[in-house]
Amino acid sequence: MNRTRKFLSLITFQLPIQIIVGYIIEFNYLSIIITFGIIPILDLLLGMDNENPTADEIPKLNQDKFYWALPVLWTPIQLGMLIWGAYVVTQGFLA
């Protein structure tokens, strides 16, 4: 896998970022618009991605610490978003 595709996998972290940005700019529907509006339109325009890793590349990807770190980093982010969201809802900051 090339370096560009490797760093494009960081797009998995865009959802918590857009939720926080939407809250900061006081437009809480930002993540809904992006997730269910803009991303499907971009997916339709960009088309199918036919560049899957070959069978020879899969063991190399399994050894790569970058791809191991993505789900490991996602867990505390997801937990932090859950705690932050519960705090925001219980304190009545969504008014």
PDB file of N, CA and C in Angstrom:
ATOM      1  N   MET A   1       0.848  -1.177   0.000  1.00  0.00           N
ATOM      2  CA  MET A   1       0.000   0.000   0.000  1.00  0.00           C
ATOM      3  C   MET A   1       0.894   1.240   0.000  1.00  0.00           C
ATOM      4  N   ASN A   2       0.478   2.216  -0.743  1.00  0.00           N
ATOM      5  CA  ASN A   2       1.282   3.423  -0.818  1.00  0.00           C
ATOM      6  C   ASN A   2       1.003   4.330   0.381  1.00  0.00           C
ATOM      7  N   ARG A   3       1.861   5.304   0.546  1.00  0.00           N
ATOM      8  CA  ARG A   3       1.795   6.201   1.705  1.00  0.00           C
ATOM      9  C   ARG A   3       0.502   7.026   1.717  1.00  0.00           C
ATOM     10  N   THR A   4       0.040   7.443   0.544  1.00  0.00           N
ATOM     11  CA  THR A   4      -1.192   8.240   0.477  1.00  0.00           C
ATOM     12  C   THR A   4      -2.381   7.446   0.987  1.00  0.00           C
ATOM     13  N   ARG A   5      -2.503   6.201   0.534  1.00  0.00           N
ATOM     14  CA  ARG A   5      -3.615   5.357   0.971  1.00  0.00           C
ATOM     15  C   ARG A   5      -3.515   5.065   2.468  1.00  0.00           C
ATOM     16  N   LYS A   6      -2.312   4.963   2.946  1.00  0.00           N
ATOM     17  CA  LYS A   6      -2.107   4.694   4.366  1.00  0.00           C
ATOM     18  C   LYS A   6      -2.653   5.846   5.217  1.00  0.00           C
ATOM     19  N   PHE A   7      -2.351   7.061   4.831  1.00  0.00           N
ATOM     20  CA  PHE A   7      -2.805   8.194   5.626  1.00  0.00           C
ATOM     21  C   PHE A   7      -4.261   8.560   5.353  1.00  0.00           C
ATOM     22  N   LEU A   8      -4.807   8.108   4.234  1.00  0.00           N
ATOM     23  CA  LEU A   8      -6.235   8.292   3.999  1.00  0.00           C
ATOM     24  C   LEU A   8      -7.071   7.446   4.952  1.00  0.00           C
ATOM     25  N   SER A   9      -6.462   6.414   5.519  1.00  0.00           N
ATOM     26  CA  SER A   9      -7.193   5.607   6.492  1.00  0.00           C
ATOM     27  C   SER A   9      -7.468   6.388   7.779  1.00  0.00           C
ATOM     28  N   LEU A  10      -6.810   7.513   7.967  1.00  0.00           N
ATOM     29  CA  LEU A  10      -7.080   8.371   9.128  1.00  0.00           C
ATOM     30  C   LEU A  10      -8.437   9.059   9.036  1.00  0.00           C
ATOM     31  N   ILE A  11      -9.096   8.940   7.895  1.00  0.00           N
ATOM     32  CA  ILE A  11     -10.420   9.540   7.734  1.00  0.00           C
ATOM     33  C   ILE A  11     -11.433   8.893   8.677  1.00  0.00           C
ATOM     34  N   THR A  12     -11.080   7.768   9.269  1.00  0.00           N
ATOM     35  CA  THR A  12     -11.978   7.141  10.238  1.00  0.00           C
ATOM     36  C   THR A  12     -12.222   8.047  11.447  1.00  0.00           C
ATOM     37  N   PHE A  13     -11.309   8.964  11.695  1.00  0.00           N
ATOM     38  CA  PHE A  13     -11.441   9.849  12.847  1.00  0.00           C
ATOM     39  C   PHE A  13     -12.210  11.130  12.521  1.00  0.00           C
ATOM     40  N   GLN A  14     -12.742  11.253  11.315  1.00  0.00           N
ATOM     41  CA  GLN A  14     -13.468  12.463  10.951  1.00  0.00           C
ATOM     42  C   GLN A  14     -14.806  12.586  11.661  1.00  0.00           C
ATOM     43  N   LEU A  15     -15.438  11.487  12.021  1.00  0.00           N
ATOM     44  CA  LEU A  15     -16.754  11.572  12.663  1.00  0.00           C
ATOM     45  C   LEU A  15     -16.695  12.266  14.028  1.00  0.00           C
ATOM     46  N   PRO A  16     -15.801  11.869  14.940  1.00  0.00           N
ATOM     47  CA  PRO A  16     -15.754  12.617  16.201  1.00  0.00           C
ATOM     48  C   PRO A  16     -15.341  14.075  16.011  1.00  0.00           C
ATOM     49  N   ILE A  17     -14.481  14.329  15.039  1.00  0.00           N
ATOM     50  CA  ILE A  17     -14.053  15.705  14.791  1.00  0.00           C
ATOM     51  C   ILE A  17     -15.229  16.545  14.312  1.00  0.00           C
ATOM     52  N   GLN A  18     -16.036  16.011  13.387  1.00  0.00           N
ATOM     53  CA  GLN A  18     -17.161  16.808  12.880  1.00  0.00           C
ATOM     54  C   GLN A  18     -18.240  16.991  13.932  1.00  0.00           C
ATOM     55  N   ILE A  19     -18.392  16.060  14.843  1.00  0.00           N
ATOM     56  CA  ILE A  19     -19.354  16.233  15.937  1.00  0.00           C
ATOM     57  C   ILE A  19     -18.919  17.380  16.839  1.00  0.00           C
ATOM     58  N   ILE A  20     -17.641  17.399  17.192  1.00  0.00           N
ATOM     59  CA  ILE A  20     -17.128  18.454  18.066  1.00  0.00           C
ATOM     60  C   ILE A  20     -17.172  19.813  17.361  1.00  0.00           C
ATOM     61  N   VAL A  21     -16.780  19.849  16.094  1.00  0.00           N
ATOM     62  CA  VAL A  21     -16.821  21.107  15.346  1.00  0.00           C
ATOM     63  C   VAL A  21     -18.254  21.605  15.227  1.00  0.00           C
ATOM     64  N   GLY A  22     -19.189  20.714  14.944  1.00  0.00           N
ATOM     65  CA  GLY A  22     -20.596  21.102  14.863  1.00  0.00           C
ATOM     66  C   GLY A  22     -21.105  21.665  16.171  1.00  0.00           C
ATOM     67  N   TYR A  23     -20.663  21.099  17.276  1.00  0.00           N
ATOM     68  CA  TYR A  23     -21.078  21.604  18.580  1.00  0.00           C
ATOM     69  C   TYR A  23     -20.455  22.974  18.848  1.00  0.00           C
ATOM     70  N   ILE A  24     -19.186  23.137  18.488  1.00  0.00           N
ATOM     71  CA  ILE A  24     -18.499  24.405  18.743  1.00  0.00           C
ATOM     72  C   ILE A  24     -19.115  25.544  17.929  1.00  0.00           C
ATOM     73  N   ILE A  25     -19.448  25.271  16.666  1.00  0.00           N
ATOM     74  CA  ILE A  25     -20.023  26.334  15.842  1.00  0.00           C
ATOM     75  C   ILE A  25     -21.539  26.422  16.004  1.00  0.00           C
ATOM     76  N   GLU A  26     -22.062  25.671  16.952  1.00  0.00           N
ATOM     77  CA  GLU A  26     -23.480  25.663  17.308  1.00  0.00           C
ATOM     78  C   GLU A  26     -24.372  25.269  16.134  1.00  0.00           C
ATOM     79  N   PHE A  27     -23.921  24.282  15.368  1.00  0.00           N
ATOM     80  CA  PHE A  27     -24.714  23.696  14.289  1.00  0.00           C
ATOM     81  C   PHE A  27     -24.620  22.186  14.453  1.00  0.00           C
ATOM     82  N   ASN A  28     -25.470  21.647  15.337  1.00  0.00           N
ATOM     83  CA  ASN A  28     -25.378  20.245  15.717  1.00  0.00           C
ATOM     84  C   ASN A  28     -25.778  19.277  14.613  1.00  0.00           C
ATOM     85  N   TYR A  29     -26.332  19.764  13.532  1.00  0.00           N
ATOM     86  CA  TYR A  29     -26.708  18.893  12.419  1.00  0.00           C
ATOM     87  C   TYR A  29     -25.582  18.725  11.406  1.00  0.00           C
ATOM     88  N   LEU A  30     -24.419  19.306  11.670  1.00  0.00           N
ATOM     89  CA  LEU A  30     -23.295  19.232  10.750  1.00  0.00           C
ATOM     90  C   LEU A  30     -22.903  17.786  10.467  1.00  0.00           C
ATOM     91  N   SER A  31     -22.785  16.967  11.501  1.00  0.00           N
ATOM     92  CA  SER A  31     -22.355  15.585  11.287  1.00  0.00           C
ATOM     93  C   SER A  31     -23.401  14.790  10.524  1.00  0.00           C
ATOM     94  N   ILE A  32     -24.671  15.075  10.715  1.00  0.00           N
ATOM     95  CA  ILE A  32     -25.721  14.377   9.973  1.00  0.00           C
ATOM     96  C   ILE A  32     -25.660  14.751   8.500  1.00  0.00           C
ATOM     97  N   ILE A  33     -25.464  16.031   8.226  1.00  0.00           N
ATOM     98  CA  ILE A  33     -25.388  16.489   6.834  1.00  0.00           C
ATOM     99  C   ILE A  33     -24.167  15.892   6.135  1.00  0.00           C
ATOM    100  N   ILE A  34     -23.030  15.896   6.809  1.00  0.00           N
ATOM    101  CA  ILE A  34     -21.820  15.346   6.199  1.00  0.00           C
ATOM    102  C   ILE A  34     -21.931  13.839   6.021  1.00  0.00           C
ATOM    103  N   THR A  35     -22.353  13.130   7.079  1.00  0.00           N
ATOM    104  CA  THR A  35     -22.375  11.671   7.045  1.00  0.00           C
ATOM    105  C   THR A  35     -23.416  11.120   6.083  1.00  0.00           C
ATOM    106  N   PHE A  36     -24.604  11.695   6.065  1.00  0.00           N
ATOM    107  CA  PHE A  36     -25.675  11.141   5.244  1.00  0.00           C
ATOM    108  C   PHE A  36     -25.943  11.936   3.975  1.00  0.00           C
ATOM    109  N   GLY A  37     -25.225  13.029   3.760  1.00  0.00           N
ATOM    110  CA  GLY A  37     -25.425  13.846   2.571  1.00  0.00           C
ATOM    111  C   GLY A  37     -24.176  13.940   1.717  1.00  0.00           C
ATOM    112  N   ILE A  38     -23.138  14.566   2.264  1.00  0.00           N
ATOM    113  CA  ILE A  38     -21.938  14.847   1.481  1.00  0.00           C
ATOM    114  C   ILE A  38     -21.138  13.580   1.174  1.00  0.00           C
ATOM    115  N   ILE A  39     -20.920  12.724   2.168  1.00  0.00           N
ATOM    116  CA  ILE A  39     -20.125  11.507   1.939  1.00  0.00           C
ATOM    117  C   ILE A  39     -20.770  10.580   0.916  1.00  0.00           C
ATOM    118  N   PRO A  40     -22.091  10.306   0.957  1.00  0.00           N
ATOM    119  CA  PRO A  40     -22.669   9.471  -0.107  1.00  0.00           C
ATOM    120  C   PRO A  40     -22.566  10.093  -1.499  1.00  0.00           C
ATOM    121  N   ILE A  41     -22.682  11.420  -1.589  1.00  0.00           N
ATOM    122  CA  ILE A  41     -22.541  12.076  -2.891  1.00  0.00           C
ATOM    123  C   ILE A  41     -21.110  11.929  -3.398  1.00  0.00           C
ATOM    124  N   LEU A  42     -20.126  12.134  -2.520  1.00  0.00           N
ATOM    125  CA  LEU A  42     -18.728  11.941  -2.916  1.00  0.00           C
ATOM    126  C   LEU A  42     -18.462  10.494  -3.308  1.00  0.00           C
ATOM    127  N   ASP A  43     -19.051   9.553  -2.586  1.00  0.00           N
ATOM    128  CA  ASP A  43     -18.884   8.140  -2.907  1.00  0.00           C
ATOM    129  C   ASP A  43     -19.434   7.832  -4.295  1.00  0.00           C
ATOM    130  N   LEU A  44     -20.572   8.404  -4.614  1.00  0.00           N
ATOM    131  CA  LEU A  44     -21.172   8.211  -5.930  1.00  0.00           C
ATOM    132  C   LEU A  44     -20.309   8.836  -7.025  1.00  0.00           C
ATOM    133  N   LEU A  45     -19.772  10.026  -6.776  1.00  0.00           N
ATOM    134  CA  LEU A  45     -18.955  10.709  -7.778  1.00  0.00           C
ATOM    135  C   LEU A  45     -17.590  10.055  -7.984  1.00  0.00           C
ATOM    136  N   LEU A  46     -16.981   9.568  -6.903  1.00  0.00           N
ATOM    137  CA  LEU A  46     -15.646   8.980  -7.004  1.00  0.00           C
ATOM    138  C   LEU A  46     -15.668   7.555  -7.548  1.00  0.00           C
ATOM    139  N   GLY A  47     -16.755   6.842  -7.366  1.00  0.00           N
ATOM    140  CA  GLY A  47     -16.877   5.497  -7.919  1.00  0.00           C
ATOM    141  C   GLY A  47     -16.241   4.423  -7.055  1.00  0.00           C
ATOM    142  N   MET A  48     -16.201   3.207  -7.613  1.00  0.00           N
ATOM    143  CA  MET A  48     -15.716   2.027  -6.903  1.00  0.00           C
ATOM    144  C   MET A  48     -14.191   2.028  -6.814  1.00  0.00           C
ATOM    145  N   ASP A  49     -13.685   1.634  -5.671  1.00  0.00           N
ATOM    146  CA  ASP A  49     -12.249   1.502  -5.469  1.00  0.00           C
ATOM    147  C   ASP A  49     -11.885   0.031  -5.685  1.00  0.00           C
ATOM    148  N   ASN A  50     -11.135  -0.246  -6.717  1.00  0.00           N
ATOM    149  CA  ASN A  50     -10.775  -1.619  -7.050  1.00  0.00           C
ATOM    150  C   ASN A  50      -9.357  -1.979  -6.626  1.00  0.00           C
ATOM    151  N   GLU A  51      -8.732  -1.164  -5.809  1.00  0.00           N
ATOM    152  CA  GLU A  51      -7.347  -1.396  -5.419  1.00  0.00           C
ATOM    153  C   GLU A  51      -7.256  -2.033  -4.038  1.00  0.00           C
ATOM    154  N   ASN A  52      -7.713  -3.250  -3.906  1.00  0.00           N
ATOM    155  CA  ASN A  52      -7.572  -3.980  -2.659  1.00  0.00           C
ATOM    156  C   ASN A  52      -6.166  -4.544  -2.544  1.00  0.00           C
ATOM    157  N   PRO A  53      -5.684  -4.764  -1.323  1.00  0.00           N
ATOM    158  CA  PRO A  53      -4.347  -5.341  -1.191  1.00  0.00           C
ATOM    159  C   PRO A  53      -4.326  -6.772  -1.736  1.00  0.00           C
ATOM    160  N   THR A  54      -3.194  -7.120  -2.313  1.00  0.00           N
ATOM    161  CA  THR A  54      -3.035  -8.474  -2.834  1.00  0.00           C
ATOM    162  C   THR A  54      -2.798  -9.434  -1.676  1.00  0.00           C
ATOM    163  N   ALA A  55      -2.836 -10.719  -1.986  1.00  0.00           N
ATOM    164  CA  ALA A  55      -2.621 -11.735  -0.947  1.00  0.00           C
ATOM    165  C   ALA A  55      -1.215 -11.641  -0.368  1.00  0.00           C
ATOM    166  N   ASP A  56      -0.255 -11.174  -1.159  1.00  0.00           N
ATOM    167  CA  ASP A  56       1.114 -11.021  -0.660  1.00  0.00           C
ATOM    168  C   ASP A  56       1.246  -9.823   0.271  1.00  0.00           C
ATOM    169  N   GLU A  57       0.417  -8.815   0.100  1.00  0.00           N
ATOM    170  CA  GLU A  57       0.506  -7.602   0.921  1.00  0.00           C
ATOM    171  C   GLU A  57      -0.191  -7.738   2.270  1.00  0.00           C
ATOM    172  N   ILE A  58      -1.127  -8.644   2.402  1.00  0.00           N
ATOM    173  CA  ILE A  58      -1.906  -8.773   3.645  1.00  0.00           C
ATOM    174  C   ILE A  58      -1.033  -9.097   4.853  1.00  0.00           C
ATOM    175  N   PRO A  59      -0.092 -10.059   4.785  1.00  0.00           N
ATOM    176  CA  PRO A  59       0.772 -10.266   5.963  1.00  0.00           C
ATOM    177  C   PRO A  59       1.596  -9.036   6.336  1.00  0.00           C
ATOM    178  N   LYS A  60       2.023  -8.263   5.331  1.00  0.00           N
ATOM    179  CA  LYS A  60       2.776  -7.035   5.625  1.00  0.00           C
ATOM    180  C   LYS A  60       1.894  -6.016   6.336  1.00  0.00           C
ATOM    181  N   LEU A  61       0.639  -5.907   5.893  1.00  0.00           N
ATOM    182  CA  LEU A  61      -0.283  -4.972   6.540  1.00  0.00           C
ATOM    183  C   LEU A  61      -0.603  -5.404   7.963  1.00  0.00           C
ATOM    184  N   ASN A  62      -0.685  -6.711   8.196  1.00  0.00           N
ATOM    185  CA  ASN A  62      -0.937  -7.199   9.558  1.00  0.00           C
ATOM    186  C   ASN A  62       0.227  -6.902  10.490  1.00  0.00           C
ATOM    187  N   GLN A  63       1.428  -6.797   9.954  1.00  0.00           N
ATOM    188  CA  GLN A  63       2.606  -6.490  10.765  1.00  0.00           C
ATOM    189  C   GLN A  63       2.801  -4.988  10.978  1.00  0.00           C
ATOM    190  N   ASP A  64       2.158  -4.173  10.167  1.00  0.00           N
ATOM    191  CA  ASP A  64       2.339  -2.728  10.239  1.00  0.00           C
ATOM    192  C   ASP A  64       1.668  -2.162  11.495  1.00  0.00           C
ATOM    193  N   LYS A  65       2.444  -1.494  12.313  1.00  0.00           N
ATOM    194  CA  LYS A  65       1.916  -0.954  13.575  1.00  0.00           C
ATOM    195  C   LYS A  65       0.925   0.185  13.352  1.00  0.00           C
ATOM    196  N   PHE A  66       1.001   0.859  12.224  1.00  0.00           N
ATOM    197  CA  PHE A  66       0.073   1.947  11.919  1.00  0.00           C
ATOM    198  C   PHE A  66      -1.358   1.415  11.883  1.00  0.00           C
ATOM    199  N   TYR A  67      -1.566   0.301  11.189  1.00  0.00           N
ATOM    200  CA  TYR A  67      -2.906  -0.260  11.080  1.00  0.00           C
ATOM    201  C   TYR A  67      -3.350  -0.925  12.380  1.00  0.00           C
ATOM    202  N   TRP A  68      -2.415  -1.316  13.197  1.00  0.00           N
ATOM    203  CA  TRP A  68      -2.752  -1.841  14.518  1.00  0.00           C
ATOM    204  C   TRP A  68      -3.205  -0.696  15.426  1.00  0.00           C
ATOM    205  N   ALA A  69      -2.608   0.480  15.258  1.00  0.00           N
ATOM    206  CA  ALA A  69      -2.895   1.619  16.138  1.00  0.00           C
ATOM    207  C   ALA A  69      -4.266   2.229  15.884  1.00  0.00           C
ATOM    208  N   LEU A  70      -4.797   2.108  14.673  1.00  0.00           N
ATOM    209  CA  LEU A  70      -6.084   2.744  14.375  1.00  0.00           C
ATOM    210  C   LEU A  70      -7.205   2.260  15.288  1.00  0.00           C
ATOM    211  N   PRO A  71      -7.471   0.958  15.412  1.00  0.00           N
ATOM    212  CA  PRO A  71      -8.542   0.556  16.333  1.00  0.00           C
ATOM    213  C   PRO A  71      -8.179   0.775  17.801  1.00  0.00           C
ATOM    214  N   VAL A  72      -6.885   0.723  18.115  1.00  0.00           N
ATOM    215  CA  VAL A  72      -6.466   0.962  19.502  1.00  0.00           C
ATOM    216  C   VAL A  72      -6.717   2.416  19.884  1.00  0.00           C
ATOM    217  N   LEU A  73      -6.478   3.346  18.971  1.00  0.00           N
ATOM    218  CA  LEU A  73      -6.753   4.757  19.242  1.00  0.00           C
ATOM    219  C   LEU A  73      -8.243   5.068  19.205  1.00  0.00           C
ATOM    220  N   TRP A  74      -8.991   4.321  18.394  1.00  0.00           N
ATOM    221  CA  TRP A  74     -10.418   4.589  18.262  1.00  0.00           C
ATOM    222  C   TRP A  74     -11.157   4.306  19.568  1.00  0.00           C
ATOM    223  N   THR A  75     -10.735   3.304  20.326  1.00  0.00           N
ATOM    224  CA  THR A  75     -11.435   2.922  21.553  1.00  0.00           C
ATOM    225  C   THR A  75     -11.481   4.057  22.569  1.00  0.00           C
ATOM    226  N   PRO A  76     -10.368   4.689  22.939  1.00  0.00           N
ATOM    227  CA  PRO A  76     -10.477   5.808  23.897  1.00  0.00           C
ATOM    228  C   PRO A  76     -11.202   7.023  23.317  1.00  0.00           C
ATOM    229  N   ILE A  77     -11.092   7.224  22.008  1.00  0.00           N
ATOM    230  CA  ILE A  77     -11.827   8.335  21.400  1.00  0.00           C
ATOM    231  C   ILE A  77     -13.326   8.090  21.514  1.00  0.00           C
ATOM    232  N   GLN A  78     -13.754   6.874  21.225  1.00  0.00           N
ATOM    233  CA  GLN A  78     -15.176   6.534  21.323  1.00  0.00           C
ATOM    234  C   GLN A  78     -15.662   6.665  22.770  1.00  0.00           C
ATOM    235  N   LEU A  79     -14.874   6.198  23.715  1.00  0.00           N
ATOM    236  CA  LEU A  79     -15.244   6.315  25.119  1.00  0.00           C
ATOM    237  C   LEU A  79     -15.294   7.778  25.553  1.00  0.00           C
ATOM    238  N   GLY A  80     -14.317   8.564  25.105  1.00  0.00           N
ATOM    239  CA  GLY A  80     -14.309   9.996  25.429  1.00  0.00           C
ATOM    240  C   GLY A  80     -15.504  10.719  24.843  1.00  0.00           C
ATOM    241  N   MET A  81     -15.879  10.377  23.623  1.00  0.00           N
ATOM    242  CA  MET A  81     -17.050  10.996  23.003  1.00  0.00           C
ATOM    243  C   MET A  81     -18.331  10.624  23.745  1.00  0.00           C
ATOM    244  N   LEU A  82     -18.410   9.391  24.216  1.00  0.00           N
ATOM    245  CA  LEU A  82     -19.575   8.957  24.983  1.00  0.00           C
ATOM    246  C   LEU A  82     -19.686   9.730  26.296  1.00  0.00           C
ATOM    247  N   ILE A  83     -18.578   9.874  26.998  1.00  0.00           N
ATOM    248  CA  ILE A  83     -18.574  10.608  28.270  1.00  0.00           C
ATOM    249  C   ILE A  83     -18.874  12.091  28.024  1.00  0.00           C
ATOM    250  N   TRP A  84     -18.236  12.686  27.010  1.00  0.00           N
ATOM    251  CA  TRP A  84     -18.483  14.090  26.688  1.00  0.00           C
ATOM    252  C   TRP A  84     -19.937  14.303  26.284  1.00  0.00           C
ATOM    253  N   GLY A  85     -20.480  13.422  25.462  1.00  0.00           N
ATOM    254  CA  GLY A  85     -21.875  13.545  25.041  1.00  0.00           C
ATOM    255  C   GLY A  85     -22.836  13.429  26.210  1.00  0.00           C
ATOM    256  N   ALA A  86     -22.551  12.511  27.131  1.00  0.00           N
ATOM    257  CA  ALA A  86     -23.399  12.378  28.315  1.00  0.00           C
ATOM    258  C   ALA A  86     -23.318  13.637  29.174  1.00  0.00           C
ATOM    259  N   TYR A  87     -22.136  14.214  29.291  1.00  0.00           N
ATOM    260  CA  TYR A  87     -21.973  15.446  30.064  1.00  0.00           C
ATOM    261  C   TYR A  87     -22.760  16.590  29.422  1.00  0.00           C
ATOM    262  N   VAL A  88     -22.657  16.719  28.113  1.00  0.00           N
ATOM    263  CA  VAL A  88     -23.338  17.808  27.413  1.00  0.00           C
ATOM    264  C   VAL A  88     -24.852  17.660  27.575  1.00  0.00           C
ATOM    265  N   VAL A  89     -25.369  16.452  27.436  1.00  0.00           N
ATOM    266  CA  VAL A  89     -26.813  16.241  27.545  1.00  0.00           C
ATOM    267  C   VAL A  89     -27.290  16.475  28.968  1.00  0.00           C
ATOM    268  N   THR A  90     -26.563  15.977  29.954  1.00  0.00           N
ATOM    269  CA  THR A  90     -27.024  16.128  31.345  1.00  0.00           C
ATOM    270  C   THR A  90     -26.926  17.554  31.852  1.00  0.00           C
ATOM    271  N   GLN A  91     -26.000  18.333  31.307  1.00  0.00           N
ATOM    272  CA  GLN A  91     -25.860  19.716  31.741  1.00  0.00           C
ATOM    273  C   GLN A  91     -26.776  20.674  30.977  1.00  0.00           C
ATOM    274  N   GLY A  92     -27.479  20.173  29.965  1.00  0.00           N
ATOM    275  CA  GLY A  92     -28.430  20.998  29.241  1.00  0.00           C
ATOM    276  C   GLY A  92     -27.768  21.985  28.302  1.00  0.00           C
ATOM    277  N   PHE A  93     -26.576  21.656  27.793  1.00  0.00           N
ATOM    278  CA  PHE A  93     -25.859  22.571  26.904  1.00  0.00           C
ATOM    279  C   PHE A  93     -26.354  22.532  25.461  1.00  0.00           C
ATOM    280  N   LEU A  94     -27.311  21.691  25.130  1.00  0.00           N
ATOM    281  CA  LEU A  94     -27.778  21.571  23.757  1.00  0.00           C
ATOM    282  C   LEU A  94     -28.941  22.490  23.441  1.00  0.00           C
ATOM    283  N   ALA A  95     -29.291  23.354  24.336  1.00  0.00           N
ATOM    284  CA  ALA A  95     -30.453  24.228  24.135  1.00  0.00           C
ATOM    285  C   ALA A  95     -30.307  25.166  22.992  1.00  0.00           C
TER     286      ALA A  95
END
